[in-house]
Amino acid sequence: MNNEETLLTRKKELIDEIRDSTDIFKAFSDPVRQDIFLMFMIAKRMNVAEVVEQSHLSRPAISHHLKILKQAGILSSNKVKTEVFYSLNLGDSVIAKLKRIVESAEVIMQNKED
């Protein structure tokens, strides 16, 4: 495989990775969800009421944002009795996806300069 074919393959992989990560980008596109993400970087875990306490939004609004962050794989939840606690999903999937996007973009940009 020559350099042009390798570069074309990397571009296709990058497009696939970006499309596969749309839910992550969507989740981070909202300033409220960015703030919630930062809250979870500080706190190990919180329930909806604790997130509401730290924000200016209603419980239904916070629940909506938590749902989007969870669907994107950014947060995970754990039910304890009647309470649902959320925490950052420290698994590799979200971080790995973002790293692959950045790495592929770097390779493409470096080859563009050559």
C-alpha atoms as a PDB file:
ATOM      1  CA  MET A   1       0.000   0.000   0.000  1.00  0.00           C
ATOM      2  CA  ASN A   2       1.546   3.310  -1.046  1.00  0.00           C
ATOM      3  CA  ASN A   3       1.419   6.580   0.874  1.00  0.00           C
ATOM      4  CA  GLU A   4      -1.621   7.927  -1.001  1.00  0.00           C
ATOM      5  CA  GLU A   5      -3.591   4.747  -0.366  1.00  0.00           C
ATOM      6  CA  THR A   6      -2.614   4.834   3.317  1.00  0.00           C
ATOM      7  CA  LEU A   7      -3.689   8.459   3.572  1.00  0.00           C
ATOM      8  CA  LEU A   8      -7.004   7.709   1.866  1.00  0.00           C
ATOM      9  CA  THR A   9      -7.588   4.830   4.279  1.00  0.00           C
ATOM     10  CA  ARG A  10      -6.818   7.128   7.248  1.00  0.00           C
ATOM     11  CA  LYS A  11      -9.281   9.715   5.922  1.00  0.00           C
ATOM     12  CA  LYS A  12     -12.011   7.082   5.627  1.00  0.00           C
ATOM     13  CA  GLU A  13     -11.241   5.849   9.150  1.00  0.00           C
ATOM     14  CA  LEU A  14     -11.413   9.423  10.450  1.00  0.00           C
ATOM     15  CA  ILE A  15     -14.803   9.992   8.840  1.00  0.00           C
ATOM     16  CA  ASP A  16     -16.072   6.717  10.333  1.00  0.00           C
ATOM     17  CA  GLU A  17     -14.744   7.646  13.786  1.00  0.00           C
ATOM     18  CA  ILE A  18     -16.346  11.096  13.650  1.00  0.00           C
ATOM     19  CA  ARG A  19     -19.683   9.649  12.556  1.00  0.00           C
ATOM     20  CA  ASP A  20     -19.446   7.001  15.270  1.00  0.00           C
ATOM     21  CA  SER A  21     -18.777   9.738  17.848  1.00  0.00           C
ATOM     22  CA  THR A  22     -21.588  12.114  16.897  1.00  0.00           C
ATOM     23  CA  ASP A  23     -23.398  11.422  20.170  1.00  0.00           C
ATOM     24  CA  ILE A  24     -20.304  12.447  22.148  1.00  0.00           C
ATOM     25  CA  PHE A  25     -19.932  15.709  20.217  1.00  0.00           C
ATOM     26  CA  LYS A  26     -23.651  16.395  20.589  1.00  0.00           C
ATOM     27  CA  ALA A  27     -23.432  15.796  24.336  1.00  0.00           C
ATOM     28  CA  PHE A  28     -20.540  18.235  24.696  1.00  0.00           C
ATOM     29  CA  SER A  29     -22.125  20.852  22.410  1.00  0.00           C
ATOM     30  CA  ASP A  30     -24.396  22.203  25.134  1.00  0.00           C
ATOM     31  CA  PRO A  31     -22.903  24.535  27.795  1.00  0.00           C
ATOM     32  CA  VAL A  32     -25.144  23.032  30.490  1.00  0.00           C
ATOM     33  CA  ARG A  33     -23.816  19.546  29.756  1.00  0.00           C
ATOM     34  CA  GLN A  34     -20.278  20.922  29.760  1.00  0.00           C
ATOM     35  CA  ASP A  35     -20.947  22.330  33.239  1.00  0.00           C
ATOM     36  CA  ILE A  36     -22.430  19.031  34.403  1.00  0.00           C
ATOM     37  CA  PHE A  37     -19.380  17.192  33.052  1.00  0.00           C
ATOM     38  CA  LEU A  38     -17.136  19.529  35.062  1.00  0.00           C
ATOM     39  CA  MET A  39     -19.240  18.887  38.189  1.00  0.00           C
ATOM     40  CA  PHE A  40     -18.598  15.176  37.798  1.00  0.00           C
ATOM     41  CA  MET A  41     -14.886  15.756  37.357  1.00  0.00           C
ATOM     42  CA  ILE A  42     -14.910  17.201  40.885  1.00  0.00           C
ATOM     43  CA  ALA A  43     -17.495  14.922  42.533  1.00  0.00           C
ATOM     44  CA  LYS A  44     -17.168  11.150  42.339  1.00  0.00           C
ATOM     45  CA  ARG A  45     -20.882  10.570  42.040  1.00  0.00           C
ATOM     46  CA  MET A  46     -24.096  12.529  42.393  1.00  0.00           C
ATOM     47  CA  ASN A  47     -27.801  11.957  42.151  1.00  0.00           C
ATOM     48  CA  VAL A  48     -30.167  14.231  40.235  1.00  0.00           C
ATOM     49  CA  ALA A  49     -30.999  16.304  43.329  1.00  0.00           C
ATOM     50  CA  GLU A  50     -27.315  17.019  43.981  1.00  0.00           C
ATOM     51  CA  VAL A  51     -26.788  18.151  40.395  1.00  0.00           C
ATOM     52  CA  VAL A  52     -29.914  20.357  40.607  1.00  0.00           C
ATOM     53  CA  GLU A  53     -28.510  21.939  43.811  1.00  0.00           C
ATOM     54  CA  GLN A  54     -25.366  22.982  41.950  1.00  0.00           C
ATOM     55  CA  SER A  55     -27.159  24.336  38.904  1.00  0.00           C
ATOM     56  CA  HIS A  56     -29.834  26.874  38.059  1.00  0.00           C
ATOM     57  CA  LEU A  57     -32.056  24.358  36.270  1.00  0.00           C
ATOM     58  CA  SER A  58     -35.107  22.323  37.188  1.00  0.00           C
ATOM     59  CA  ARG A  59     -35.026  18.623  37.994  1.00  0.00           C
ATOM     60  CA  PRO A  60     -36.642  17.638  34.648  1.00  0.00           C
ATOM     61  CA  ALA A  61     -34.078  19.722  32.733  1.00  0.00           C
ATOM     62  CA  ILE A  62     -31.166  18.162  34.624  1.00  0.00           C
ATOM     63  CA  SER A  63     -32.611  14.676  34.101  1.00  0.00           C
ATOM     64  CA  HIS A  64     -32.779  15.381  30.366  1.00  0.00           C
ATOM     65  CA  HIS A  65     -29.120  16.466  30.239  1.00  0.00           C
ATOM     66  CA  LEU A  66     -27.992  13.496  32.348  1.00  0.00           C
ATOM     67  CA  LYS A  67     -29.817  11.159  29.966  1.00  0.00           C
ATOM     68  CA  ILE A  68     -27.965  12.607  26.957  1.00  0.00           C
ATOM     69  CA  LEU A  69     -24.596  12.343  28.731  1.00  0.00           C
ATOM     70  CA  LYS A  70     -25.369   8.750  29.694  1.00  0.00           C
ATOM     71  CA  GLN A  71     -26.492   7.804  26.165  1.00  0.00           C
ATOM     72  CA  ALA A  72     -23.218   9.201  24.825  1.00  0.00           C
ATOM     73  CA  GLY A  73     -21.301   6.973  27.237  1.00  0.00           C
ATOM     74  CA  ILE A  74     -19.882   9.925  29.169  1.00  0.00           C
ATOM     75  CA  LEU A  75     -21.778   9.102  32.372  1.00  0.00           C
ATOM     76  CA  SER A  76     -22.818   5.819  33.893  1.00  0.00           C
ATOM     77  CA  SER A  77     -25.513   5.240  36.491  1.00  0.00           C
ATOM     78  CA  ASN A  78     -25.931   3.003  39.483  1.00  0.00           C
ATOM     79  CA  LYS A  79     -29.189   2.483  41.348  1.00  0.00           C
ATOM     80  CA  VAL A  80     -28.936   2.249  45.141  1.00  0.00           C
ATOM     81  CA  LYS A  81     -32.333   1.401  46.645  1.00  0.00           C
ATOM     82  CA  THR A  82     -34.602   4.096  45.172  1.00  0.00           C
ATOM     83  CA  GLU A  83     -31.858   6.563  44.248  1.00  0.00           C
ATOM     84  CA  VAL A  84     -29.962   6.682  40.946  1.00  0.00           C
ATOM     85  CA  PHE A  85     -26.377   7.905  41.200  1.00  0.00           C
ATOM     86  CA  TYR A  86     -24.392   9.107  38.200  1.00  0.00           C
ATOM     87  CA  SER A  87     -20.639   9.180  37.755  1.00  0.00           C
ATOM     88  CA  LEU A  88     -18.146   9.698  34.962  1.00  0.00           C
ATOM     89  CA  ASN A  89     -17.767   6.625  32.814  1.00  0.00           C
ATOM     90  CA  LEU A  90     -14.051   6.088  33.144  1.00  0.00           C
ATOM     91  CA  GLY A  91     -14.036   3.253  30.651  1.00  0.00           C
ATOM     92  CA  ASP A  92     -11.920   3.500  27.544  1.00  0.00           C
ATOM     93  CA  SER A  93     -14.658   3.875  24.949  1.00  0.00           C
ATOM     94  CA  VAL A  94     -15.226   7.661  24.955  1.00  0.00           C
ATOM     95  CA  ILE A  95     -11.586   8.570  25.562  1.00  0.00           C
ATOM     96  CA  ALA A  96     -10.374   6.004  23.025  1.00  0.00           C
ATOM     97  CA  LYS A  97     -12.754   7.304  20.351  1.00  0.00           C
ATOM     98  CA  LEU A  98     -11.605  10.891  20.850  1.00  0.00           C
ATOM     99  CA  LYS A  99      -7.928   9.864  20.830  1.00  0.00           C
ATOM    100  CA  ARG A 100      -8.369   7.962  17.553  1.00  0.00           C
ATOM    101  CA  ILE A 101     -10.007  11.005  15.961  1.00  0.00           C
ATOM    102  CA  VAL A 102      -7.173  13.298  17.051  1.00  0.00           C
ATOM    103  CA  GLU A 103      -4.463  10.827  16.012  1.00  0.00           C
ATOM    104  CA  SER A 104      -5.991  10.257  12.568  1.00  0.00           C
ATOM    105  CA  ALA A 105      -6.419  13.994  12.044  1.00  0.00           C
ATOM    106  CA  GLU A 106      -2.771  14.581  13.016  1.00  0.00           C
ATOM    107  CA  VAL A 107      -1.527  11.983  10.512  1.00  0.00           C
ATOM    108  CA  ILE A 108      -3.652  13.480   7.742  1.00  0.00           C
ATOM    109  CA  MET A 109      -2.514  17.029   8.531  1.00  0.00           C
ATOM    110  CA  GLN A 110       1.162  15.997   8.667  1.00  0.00           C
ATOM    111  CA  ASN A 111       0.885  14.334   5.263  1.00  0.00           C
ATOM    112  CA  LYS A 112      -0.878  17.397   3.894  1.00  0.00           C
ATOM    113  CA  GLU A 113       2.159  19.508   4.811  1.00  0.00           C
ATOM    114  CA  ASP A 114       4.573  17.152   3.013  1.00  0.00           C
END
